[in-house]
Amino acid sequence: MKPDTIKETMRLWESQPEKAKGRPTVKARSEGSQAILEAGSFSWRTDLPPSLGGNNAAPSPTAMLLAALAGCAVVFIRDTLAPQLGVHVVSVEATAECQSDSRGLLGMAGVLPDLQGIQLRIVIQSPDSQEKVQALYRTWRERCPVYLALSKPLSVTATLEVKSA
C-alpha cells in the first residue's frame, strides 16, 4: 500500500467503522486424498504425506499454518506497516518453522500431536536506521493477526454435523 492509500483508508474507517469489519472464511472439502480450500475467488489444495494416508501432492496443513505466519510477516510489513510508519523497505523475507512428531497424529502412546516451538525469522533490508526498523518490527508484533492468534490464547469452537450418506 502507498501512504496516501493507507491515510484514505484510515479516514474512511474512522467515519464508517463497519466498513473495516470482516469475517474471513475458508471452506474445505475432500477430493481424493487432498482437501480443496476456497476463500472467495481463490482456491488451493492441501495434502498429507503418505505415512499419514495422503499422497504428498500439496503442502500439509502444518505448512499452510506456517505459510500464513511467514506470509503475513512479509506482506503486512512491506505493504502496510512500512508505508504507514515511513520506513523504506527494500525487501522482507520470513522463514517459519516448528517441531512436530507425526506419531502423535496416529495416537501413539506418549507422543503429543501438538506443534512445538514455532519460530519465525524475519529479515528486513532497509537503508533506514536500526531504530526505525526495530519500531516497524515491534508494530508488526503488536498488530499481525496471524502472529497474535498463534502467540496468545485463542478460543476455537468446533462443531460437528453428521449427514447420512
N, C-alpha and C. Protein backbone atom coordinates (compact mmCIF):
# COMPACT_ATOMS: atom_id res chain seq x y z
N MET A 1 0.84 -1.19 0.00
CA MET A 1 0.00 0.00 0.00
C MET A 1 0.88 1.24 0.00
N LYS A 2 0.37 2.26 -0.58
CA LYS A 2 1.05 3.54 -0.57
C LYS A 2 0.56 4.34 0.64
N PRO A 3 1.39 5.24 1.17
CA PRO A 3 0.96 6.02 2.34
C PRO A 3 -0.36 6.76 2.13
N ASP A 4 -0.60 7.29 0.94
CA ASP A 4 -1.86 8.01 0.68
C ASP A 4 -3.06 7.06 0.75
N THR A 5 -2.87 5.85 0.24
CA THR A 5 -3.95 4.86 0.29
C THR A 5 -4.27 4.51 1.74
N ILE A 6 -3.23 4.31 2.54
CA ILE A 6 -3.43 3.98 3.95
C ILE A 6 -4.14 5.11 4.67
N LYS A 7 -3.72 6.35 4.41
CA LYS A 7 -4.37 7.50 5.06
C LYS A 7 -5.84 7.60 4.66
N GLU A 8 -6.12 7.38 3.39
CA GLU A 8 -7.51 7.42 2.92
C GLU A 8 -8.33 6.30 3.55
N THR A 9 -7.74 5.13 3.64
CA THR A 9 -8.43 4.00 4.27
C THR A 9 -8.73 4.33 5.74
N MET A 10 -7.76 4.89 6.44
CA MET A 10 -7.96 5.23 7.85
C MET A 10 -9.06 6.28 8.01
N ARG A 11 -9.10 7.27 7.12
CA ARG A 11 -10.17 8.28 7.18
C ARG A 11 -11.54 7.63 6.98
N LEU A 12 -11.63 6.74 5.99
CA LEU A 12 -12.89 6.05 5.72
C LEU A 12 -13.32 5.24 6.93
N TRP A 13 -12.41 4.47 7.50
CA TRP A 13 -12.75 3.60 8.62
C TRP A 13 -13.02 4.36 9.91
N GLU A 14 -12.45 5.56 10.04
CA GLU A 14 -12.79 6.39 11.20
C GLU A 14 -14.23 6.88 11.10
N SER A 15 -14.65 7.24 9.90
CA SER A 15 -16.02 7.75 9.73
C SER A 15 -17.05 6.62 9.57
N GLN A 16 -16.61 5.47 9.08
CA GLN A 16 -17.52 4.34 8.86
C GLN A 16 -16.84 3.04 9.35
N PRO A 17 -16.74 2.87 10.67
CA PRO A 17 -16.01 1.71 11.20
C PRO A 17 -16.53 0.36 10.74
N GLU A 18 -17.81 0.27 10.43
CA GLU A 18 -18.37 -1.02 9.99
C GLU A 18 -17.73 -1.50 8.69
N LYS A 19 -17.18 -0.59 7.88
CA LYS A 19 -16.54 -0.99 6.62
C LYS A 19 -15.21 -1.69 6.85
N ALA A 20 -14.65 -1.56 8.05
CA ALA A 20 -13.37 -2.20 8.37
C ALA A 20 -13.55 -3.62 8.88
N LYS A 21 -14.76 -3.96 9.22
CA LYS A 21 -15.00 -5.27 9.83
C LYS A 21 -15.22 -6.33 8.76
N GLY A 22 -14.69 -7.50 9.03
CA GLY A 22 -14.83 -8.60 8.07
C GLY A 22 -15.04 -9.91 8.79
N ARG A 23 -15.23 -10.93 8.02
CA ARG A 23 -15.37 -12.28 8.55
C ARG A 23 -14.67 -13.22 7.56
N PRO A 24 -13.33 -13.23 7.58
CA PRO A 24 -12.63 -14.12 6.66
C PRO A 24 -13.11 -15.56 6.84
N THR A 25 -13.38 -16.22 5.73
CA THR A 25 -13.90 -17.58 5.76
C THR A 25 -13.16 -18.43 4.74
N VAL A 26 -12.75 -19.59 5.16
CA VAL A 26 -12.16 -20.57 4.25
C VAL A 26 -13.00 -21.84 4.36
N LYS A 27 -13.41 -22.35 3.23
CA LYS A 27 -14.16 -23.61 3.19
C LYS A 27 -13.23 -24.69 2.64
N ALA A 28 -13.38 -25.89 3.19
CA ALA A 28 -12.57 -27.02 2.73
C ALA A 28 -13.50 -28.19 2.44
N ARG A 29 -13.15 -28.94 1.40
CA ARG A 29 -13.89 -30.16 1.08
C ARG A 29 -12.88 -31.19 0.62
N SER A 30 -13.24 -32.44 0.83
CA SER A 30 -12.32 -33.52 0.45
C SER A 30 -12.46 -33.84 -1.03
N GLU A 31 -11.31 -34.16 -1.63
CA GLU A 31 -11.26 -34.62 -3.02
C GLU A 31 -10.09 -35.59 -3.11
N GLY A 32 -10.39 -36.86 -3.14
CA GLY A 32 -9.32 -37.86 -3.09
C GLY A 32 -8.59 -37.76 -1.77
N SER A 33 -7.28 -37.73 -1.82
CA SER A 33 -6.50 -37.62 -0.58
C SER A 33 -6.28 -36.17 -0.17
N GLN A 34 -6.76 -35.23 -0.97
CA GLN A 34 -6.49 -33.82 -0.71
C GLN A 34 -7.71 -33.09 -0.17
N ALA A 35 -7.45 -31.95 0.41
CA ALA A 35 -8.51 -31.01 0.76
C ALA A 35 -8.43 -29.87 -0.24
N ILE A 36 -9.56 -29.47 -0.76
CA ILE A 36 -9.65 -28.30 -1.64
C ILE A 36 -10.13 -27.17 -0.75
N LEU A 37 -9.36 -26.11 -0.69
CA LEU A 37 -9.68 -24.96 0.15
C LEU A 37 -10.11 -23.80 -0.72
N GLU A 38 -11.12 -23.08 -0.28
CA GLU A 38 -11.62 -21.94 -1.04
C GLU A 38 -11.87 -20.76 -0.12
N ALA A 39 -11.42 -19.60 -0.56
CA ALA A 39 -11.67 -18.34 0.13
C ALA A 39 -12.00 -17.32 -0.96
N GLY A 40 -13.26 -16.95 -1.06
CA GLY A 40 -13.67 -16.04 -2.13
C GLY A 40 -13.37 -16.66 -3.47
N SER A 41 -12.65 -15.94 -4.32
CA SER A 41 -12.34 -16.43 -5.66
C SER A 41 -11.04 -17.25 -5.71
N PHE A 42 -10.41 -17.47 -4.57
CA PHE A 42 -9.15 -18.21 -4.52
C PHE A 42 -9.38 -19.64 -4.10
N SER A 43 -8.59 -20.55 -4.67
CA SER A 43 -8.64 -21.94 -4.21
C SER A 43 -7.23 -22.51 -4.23
N TRP A 44 -7.00 -23.45 -3.34
CA TRP A 44 -5.72 -24.12 -3.24
C TRP A 44 -5.96 -25.48 -2.59
N ARG A 45 -4.91 -26.27 -2.51
CA ARG A 45 -5.03 -27.64 -2.01
C ARG A 45 -4.07 -27.88 -0.85
N THR A 46 -4.42 -28.84 -0.04
CA THR A 46 -3.51 -29.33 0.99
C THR A 46 -3.59 -30.84 1.01
N ASP A 47 -2.54 -31.49 1.46
CA ASP A 47 -2.46 -32.94 1.46
C ASP A 47 -1.58 -33.36 2.64
N LEU A 48 -1.53 -34.62 2.88
CA LEU A 48 -0.66 -35.19 3.91
C LEU A 48 0.37 -36.08 3.25
N PRO A 49 1.46 -36.38 3.97
CA PRO A 49 2.44 -37.31 3.41
C PRO A 49 1.87 -38.74 3.39
N PRO A 50 2.43 -39.62 2.58
CA PRO A 50 1.93 -40.99 2.51
C PRO A 50 1.91 -41.70 3.87
N SER A 51 2.86 -41.40 4.73
CA SER A 51 2.91 -42.06 6.04
C SER A 51 1.67 -41.76 6.89
N LEU A 52 0.94 -40.68 6.53
CA LEU A 52 -0.28 -40.32 7.25
C LEU A 52 -1.53 -40.52 6.39
N GLY A 53 -1.39 -41.23 5.27
CA GLY A 53 -2.55 -41.55 4.44
C GLY A 53 -2.74 -40.67 3.23
N GLY A 54 -1.90 -39.67 3.03
CA GLY A 54 -2.03 -38.79 1.88
C GLY A 54 -1.15 -39.21 0.73
N ASN A 55 -1.04 -38.32 -0.26
CA ASN A 55 -0.19 -38.56 -1.43
C ASN A 55 0.94 -37.54 -1.56
N ASN A 56 1.04 -36.62 -0.62
CA ASN A 56 2.09 -35.59 -0.64
C ASN A 56 2.05 -34.79 -1.93
N ALA A 57 0.83 -34.51 -2.44
CA ALA A 57 0.67 -33.78 -3.70
C ALA A 57 0.48 -32.29 -3.49
N ALA A 58 0.45 -31.85 -2.24
CA ALA A 58 0.27 -30.43 -1.92
C ALA A 58 0.85 -30.20 -0.53
N PRO A 59 1.07 -28.94 -0.16
CA PRO A 59 1.59 -28.67 1.19
C PRO A 59 0.65 -29.21 2.27
N SER A 60 1.24 -29.57 3.40
CA SER A 60 0.45 -30.07 4.53
C SER A 60 -0.27 -28.92 5.23
N PRO A 61 -1.29 -29.23 6.02
CA PRO A 61 -1.93 -28.18 6.81
C PRO A 61 -0.94 -27.46 7.73
N THR A 62 0.03 -28.18 8.27
CA THR A 62 1.05 -27.53 9.11
C THR A 62 1.85 -26.53 8.29
N ALA A 63 2.22 -26.91 7.07
CA ALA A 63 2.96 -25.98 6.20
C ALA A 63 2.09 -24.76 5.89
N MET A 64 0.79 -24.96 5.72
CA MET A 64 -0.12 -23.83 5.45
C MET A 64 -0.17 -22.88 6.65
N LEU A 65 -0.19 -23.43 7.85
CA LEU A 65 -0.19 -22.60 9.05
C LEU A 65 1.08 -21.77 9.12
N LEU A 66 2.22 -22.41 8.91
CA LEU A 66 3.50 -21.70 8.93
C LEU A 66 3.57 -20.68 7.78
N ALA A 67 2.99 -21.03 6.63
CA ALA A 67 2.96 -20.10 5.49
C ALA A 67 2.14 -18.86 5.83
N ALA A 68 1.04 -19.05 6.53
CA ALA A 68 0.22 -17.90 6.91
C ALA A 68 1.01 -16.95 7.79
N LEU A 69 1.78 -17.49 8.72
CA LEU A 69 2.59 -16.66 9.61
C LEU A 69 3.69 -15.93 8.84
N ALA A 70 4.47 -16.67 8.04
CA ALA A 70 5.56 -16.06 7.27
C ALA A 70 5.01 -15.08 6.23
N GLY A 71 3.94 -15.46 5.57
CA GLY A 71 3.34 -14.58 4.56
C GLY A 71 2.83 -13.29 5.15
N CYS A 72 2.19 -13.37 6.31
CA CYS A 72 1.69 -12.17 6.96
C CYS A 72 2.84 -11.26 7.35
N ALA A 73 3.95 -11.84 7.79
CA ALA A 73 5.11 -11.03 8.13
C ALA A 73 5.58 -10.24 6.90
N VAL A 74 5.74 -10.92 5.79
CA VAL A 74 6.29 -10.27 4.59
C VAL A 74 5.36 -9.18 4.05
N VAL A 75 4.11 -9.53 3.76
CA VAL A 75 3.25 -8.55 3.10
C VAL A 75 2.76 -7.45 4.04
N PHE A 76 2.48 -7.79 5.29
CA PHE A 76 1.99 -6.77 6.23
C PHE A 76 3.09 -5.76 6.54
N ILE A 77 4.32 -6.24 6.72
CA ILE A 77 5.44 -5.33 6.97
C ILE A 77 5.70 -4.47 5.74
N ARG A 78 5.85 -5.11 4.59
CA ARG A 78 6.24 -4.39 3.37
C ARG A 78 5.15 -3.46 2.85
N ASP A 79 3.91 -3.97 2.77
CA ASP A 79 2.87 -3.24 2.05
C ASP A 79 2.02 -2.32 2.92
N THR A 80 1.97 -2.58 4.23
CA THR A 80 1.10 -1.79 5.09
C THR A 80 1.87 -0.99 6.12
N LEU A 81 2.63 -1.70 6.96
CA LEU A 81 3.28 -1.02 8.08
C LEU A 81 4.43 -0.11 7.65
N ALA A 82 5.28 -0.56 6.74
CA ALA A 82 6.40 0.28 6.32
C ALA A 82 5.92 1.61 5.75
N PRO A 83 4.96 1.61 4.81
CA PRO A 83 4.46 2.90 4.33
C PRO A 83 3.78 3.72 5.43
N GLN A 84 3.02 3.06 6.29
CA GLN A 84 2.32 3.78 7.35
C GLN A 84 3.31 4.44 8.32
N LEU A 85 4.40 3.74 8.63
CA LEU A 85 5.37 4.26 9.59
C LEU A 85 6.51 5.03 8.94
N GLY A 86 6.48 5.12 7.61
CA GLY A 86 7.52 5.88 6.91
C GLY A 86 8.88 5.21 6.92
N VAL A 87 8.90 3.88 6.87
CA VAL A 87 10.16 3.12 6.84
C VAL A 87 10.36 2.62 5.41
N HIS A 88 11.51 2.91 4.84
CA HIS A 88 11.82 2.44 3.50
C HIS A 88 12.28 0.99 3.59
N VAL A 89 11.59 0.08 2.91
CA VAL A 89 11.92 -1.34 2.93
C VAL A 89 12.27 -1.76 1.51
N VAL A 90 13.46 -2.32 1.36
CA VAL A 90 13.90 -2.85 0.07
C VAL A 90 13.32 -4.25 -0.12
N SER A 91 13.41 -5.07 0.92
CA SER A 91 12.87 -6.43 0.84
C SER A 91 12.58 -6.96 2.24
N VAL A 92 11.70 -7.95 2.27
CA VAL A 92 11.38 -8.65 3.51
C VAL A 92 11.35 -10.14 3.20
N GLU A 93 12.01 -10.93 4.02
CA GLU A 93 11.97 -12.38 3.92
C GLU A 93 11.58 -12.93 5.28
N ALA A 94 10.86 -14.02 5.30
CA ALA A 94 10.49 -14.65 6.57
C ALA A 94 10.54 -16.17 6.42
N THR A 95 11.03 -16.83 7.45
CA THR A 95 11.08 -18.28 7.49
C THR A 95 10.40 -18.72 8.78
N ALA A 96 9.39 -19.55 8.66
CA ALA A 96 8.67 -20.08 9.82
C ALA A 96 8.94 -21.58 9.90
N GLU A 97 9.17 -22.06 11.11
CA GLU A 97 9.40 -23.48 11.30
C GLU A 97 8.92 -23.89 12.69
N CYS A 98 8.78 -25.19 12.88
CA CYS A 98 8.38 -25.71 14.18
C CYS A 98 8.86 -27.15 14.28
N GLN A 99 8.67 -27.73 15.45
CA GLN A 99 8.95 -29.15 15.64
C GLN A 99 7.60 -29.87 15.69
N SER A 100 7.59 -31.07 15.14
CA SER A 100 6.40 -31.90 15.20
C SER A 100 6.83 -33.35 15.29
N ASP A 101 5.93 -34.18 15.79
CA ASP A 101 6.17 -35.62 15.85
C ASP A 101 4.90 -36.29 15.35
N SER A 102 4.94 -36.78 14.13
CA SER A 102 3.76 -37.35 13.48
C SER A 102 3.21 -38.57 14.20
N ARG A 103 3.99 -39.18 15.09
CA ARG A 103 3.47 -40.31 15.87
C ARG A 103 2.26 -39.88 16.69
N GLY A 104 2.25 -38.63 17.15
CA GLY A 104 1.12 -38.11 17.92
C GLY A 104 -0.15 -38.06 17.10
N LEU A 105 -0.03 -37.80 15.79
CA LEU A 105 -1.21 -37.77 14.92
C LEU A 105 -1.84 -39.15 14.80
N LEU A 106 -1.04 -40.18 14.95
CA LEU A 106 -1.54 -41.55 14.86
C LEU A 106 -1.95 -42.10 16.22
N GLY A 107 -1.89 -41.25 17.25
CA GLY A 107 -2.32 -41.66 18.59
C GLY A 107 -1.37 -42.60 19.28
N MET A 108 -0.13 -42.58 18.89
CA MET A 108 0.85 -43.47 19.51
C MET A 108 1.14 -43.01 20.93
N ALA A 109 1.27 -43.95 21.83
CA ALA A 109 1.39 -43.67 23.26
C ALA A 109 2.57 -42.76 23.59
N GLY A 110 2.29 -41.80 24.45
CA GLY A 110 3.34 -40.94 24.99
C GLY A 110 3.81 -39.84 24.07
N VAL A 111 3.14 -39.63 22.95
CA VAL A 111 3.57 -38.60 22.00
C VAL A 111 2.41 -37.63 21.76
N LEU A 112 2.68 -36.36 21.95
CA LEU A 112 1.65 -35.34 21.73
C LEU A 112 1.56 -34.99 20.25
N PRO A 113 0.36 -34.73 19.74
CA PRO A 113 0.22 -34.32 18.34
C PRO A 113 0.49 -32.83 18.13
N ASP A 114 0.66 -32.09 19.21
CA ASP A 114 0.82 -30.64 19.13
C ASP A 114 2.09 -30.23 18.37
N LEU A 115 2.01 -29.09 17.71
CA LEU A 115 3.21 -28.46 17.16
C LEU A 115 3.94 -27.82 18.33
N GLN A 116 5.25 -27.83 18.27
CA GLN A 116 6.06 -27.27 19.35
C GLN A 116 7.04 -26.25 18.79
N GLY A 117 7.31 -25.25 19.59
CA GLY A 117 8.41 -24.32 19.30
C GLY A 117 8.33 -23.62 17.95
N ILE A 118 7.21 -23.02 17.64
CA ILE A 118 7.13 -22.27 16.38
C ILE A 118 8.14 -21.13 16.43
N GLN A 119 8.94 -21.03 15.40
CA GLN A 119 9.94 -19.97 15.30
C GLN A 119 9.74 -19.23 13.98
N LEU A 120 9.92 -17.92 14.04
CA LEU A 120 9.81 -17.08 12.84
C LEU A 120 11.04 -16.20 12.77
N ARG A 121 11.72 -16.25 11.65
CA ARG A 121 12.88 -15.39 11.42
C ARG A 121 12.51 -14.43 10.30
N ILE A 122 12.55 -13.14 10.61
CA ILE A 122 12.23 -12.10 9.64
C ILE A 122 13.51 -11.34 9.31
N VAL A 123 13.78 -11.13 8.04
CA VAL A 123 14.93 -10.35 7.59
C VAL A 123 14.38 -9.18 6.79
N ILE A 124 14.66 -7.97 7.26
CA ILE A 124 14.22 -6.76 6.58
C ILE A 124 15.45 -6.04 6.07
N GLN A 125 15.48 -5.79 4.76
CA GLN A 125 16.56 -5.00 4.17
C GLN A 125 16.04 -3.58 4.03
N SER A 126 16.76 -2.64 4.66
CA SER A 126 16.31 -1.25 4.67
C SER A 126 17.51 -0.31 4.82
N PRO A 127 17.48 0.84 4.14
CA PRO A 127 18.53 1.83 4.34
C PRO A 127 18.29 2.67 5.60
N ASP A 128 17.13 2.51 6.24
CA ASP A 128 16.80 3.30 7.42
C ASP A 128 17.55 2.79 8.66
N SER A 129 17.47 3.54 9.73
CA SER A 129 18.19 3.21 10.96
C SER A 129 17.65 1.94 11.60
N GLN A 130 18.49 1.32 12.41
CA GLN A 130 18.09 0.14 13.18
C GLN A 130 16.87 0.46 14.05
N GLU A 131 16.84 1.66 14.61
CA GLU A 131 15.74 2.06 15.49
C GLU A 131 14.40 2.07 14.73
N LYS A 132 14.41 2.62 13.52
CA LYS A 132 13.17 2.65 12.73
C LYS A 132 12.71 1.25 12.34
N VAL A 133 13.66 0.41 11.96
CA VAL A 133 13.30 -0.95 11.56
C VAL A 133 12.83 -1.75 12.79
N GLN A 134 13.46 -1.55 13.94
CA GLN A 134 13.01 -2.21 15.16
C GLN A 134 11.60 -1.75 15.54
N ALA A 135 11.30 -0.47 15.37
CA ALA A 135 9.95 0.03 15.66
C ALA A 135 8.93 -0.61 14.70
N LEU A 136 9.31 -0.79 13.46
CA LEU A 136 8.47 -1.47 12.48
C LEU A 136 8.18 -2.90 12.92
N TYR A 137 9.21 -3.60 13.35
CA TYR A 137 9.07 -4.97 13.83
C TYR A 137 8.17 -5.04 15.07
N ARG A 138 8.39 -4.13 16.03
CA ARG A 138 7.54 -4.10 17.23
C ARG A 138 6.08 -3.87 16.86
N THR A 139 5.83 -2.98 15.91
CA THR A 139 4.46 -2.70 15.48
C THR A 139 3.85 -3.94 14.83
N TRP A 140 4.64 -4.66 14.03
CA TRP A 140 4.14 -5.90 13.42
C TRP A 140 3.73 -6.87 14.51
N ARG A 141 4.57 -7.02 15.55
CA ARG A 141 4.25 -7.96 16.65
C ARG A 141 2.99 -7.53 17.41
N GLU A 142 2.70 -6.27 17.43
CA GLU A 142 1.50 -5.77 18.12
C GLU A 142 0.24 -5.90 17.27
N ARG A 143 0.37 -5.96 15.94
CA ARG A 143 -0.80 -5.88 15.06
C ARG A 143 -1.05 -7.06 14.15
N CYS A 144 -0.09 -7.91 13.91
CA CYS A 144 -0.27 -9.01 12.95
C CYS A 144 -1.28 -10.02 13.51
N PRO A 145 -2.45 -10.17 12.86
CA PRO A 145 -3.46 -11.07 13.40
C PRO A 145 -3.04 -12.54 13.43
N VAL A 146 -2.24 -12.97 12.49
CA VAL A 146 -1.80 -14.37 12.48
C VAL A 146 -0.82 -14.61 13.63
N TYR A 147 0.14 -13.72 13.79
CA TYR A 147 1.09 -13.84 14.91
C TYR A 147 0.35 -13.81 16.24
N LEU A 148 -0.57 -12.88 16.39
CA LEU A 148 -1.32 -12.76 17.64
C LEU A 148 -2.17 -14.00 17.90
N ALA A 149 -2.79 -14.56 16.86
CA ALA A 149 -3.60 -15.77 17.04
C ALA A 149 -2.76 -16.94 17.51
N LEU A 150 -1.52 -17.01 17.08
CA LEU A 150 -0.65 -18.11 17.47
C LEU A 150 0.06 -17.88 18.80
N SER A 151 0.25 -16.63 19.18
CA SER A 151 1.04 -16.34 20.38
C SER A 151 0.21 -16.05 21.63
N LYS A 152 -1.09 -15.83 21.46
CA LYS A 152 -1.96 -15.56 22.60
C LYS A 152 -3.04 -16.64 22.66
N PRO A 153 -3.53 -16.91 23.87
CA PRO A 153 -4.64 -17.87 23.95
C PRO A 153 -5.81 -17.40 23.08
N LEU A 154 -6.39 -18.33 22.35
CA LEU A 154 -7.48 -18.01 21.43
C LEU A 154 -8.54 -19.08 21.53
N SER A 155 -9.76 -18.67 21.63
CA SER A 155 -10.86 -19.63 21.68
C SER A 155 -11.18 -20.12 20.28
N VAL A 156 -11.26 -21.42 20.13
CA VAL A 156 -11.65 -22.02 18.86
C VAL A 156 -12.84 -22.93 19.15
N THR A 157 -13.91 -22.73 18.44
CA THR A 157 -15.10 -23.55 18.61
C THR A 157 -15.23 -24.48 17.40
N ALA A 158 -15.39 -25.75 17.66
CA ALA A 158 -15.60 -26.73 16.58
C ALA A 158 -16.94 -27.41 16.81
N THR A 159 -17.68 -27.60 15.74
CA THR A 159 -18.95 -28.31 15.83
C THR A 159 -18.96 -29.42 14.78
N LEU A 160 -19.83 -30.36 14.95
CA LEU A 160 -19.94 -31.47 14.01
C LEU A 160 -21.39 -31.60 13.57
N GLU A 161 -21.57 -31.78 12.27
CA GLU A 161 -22.88 -32.10 11.72
C GLU A 161 -22.71 -33.41 10.95
N VAL A 162 -23.48 -34.38 11.26
CA VAL A 162 -23.40 -35.68 10.59
C VAL A 162 -24.58 -35.79 9.62
N LYS A 163 -24.24 -36.07 8.35
CA LYS A 163 -25.27 -36.27 7.33
C LYS A 163 -25.26 -37.73 6.93
N SER A 164 -26.42 -38.30 6.80
CA SER A 164 -26.47 -39.70 6.38
C SER A 164 -26.15 -39.79 4.89
N ALA A 165 -25.45 -40.84 4.53
CA ALA A 165 -25.00 -41.00 3.14
C ALA A 165 -26.09 -41.49 2.24
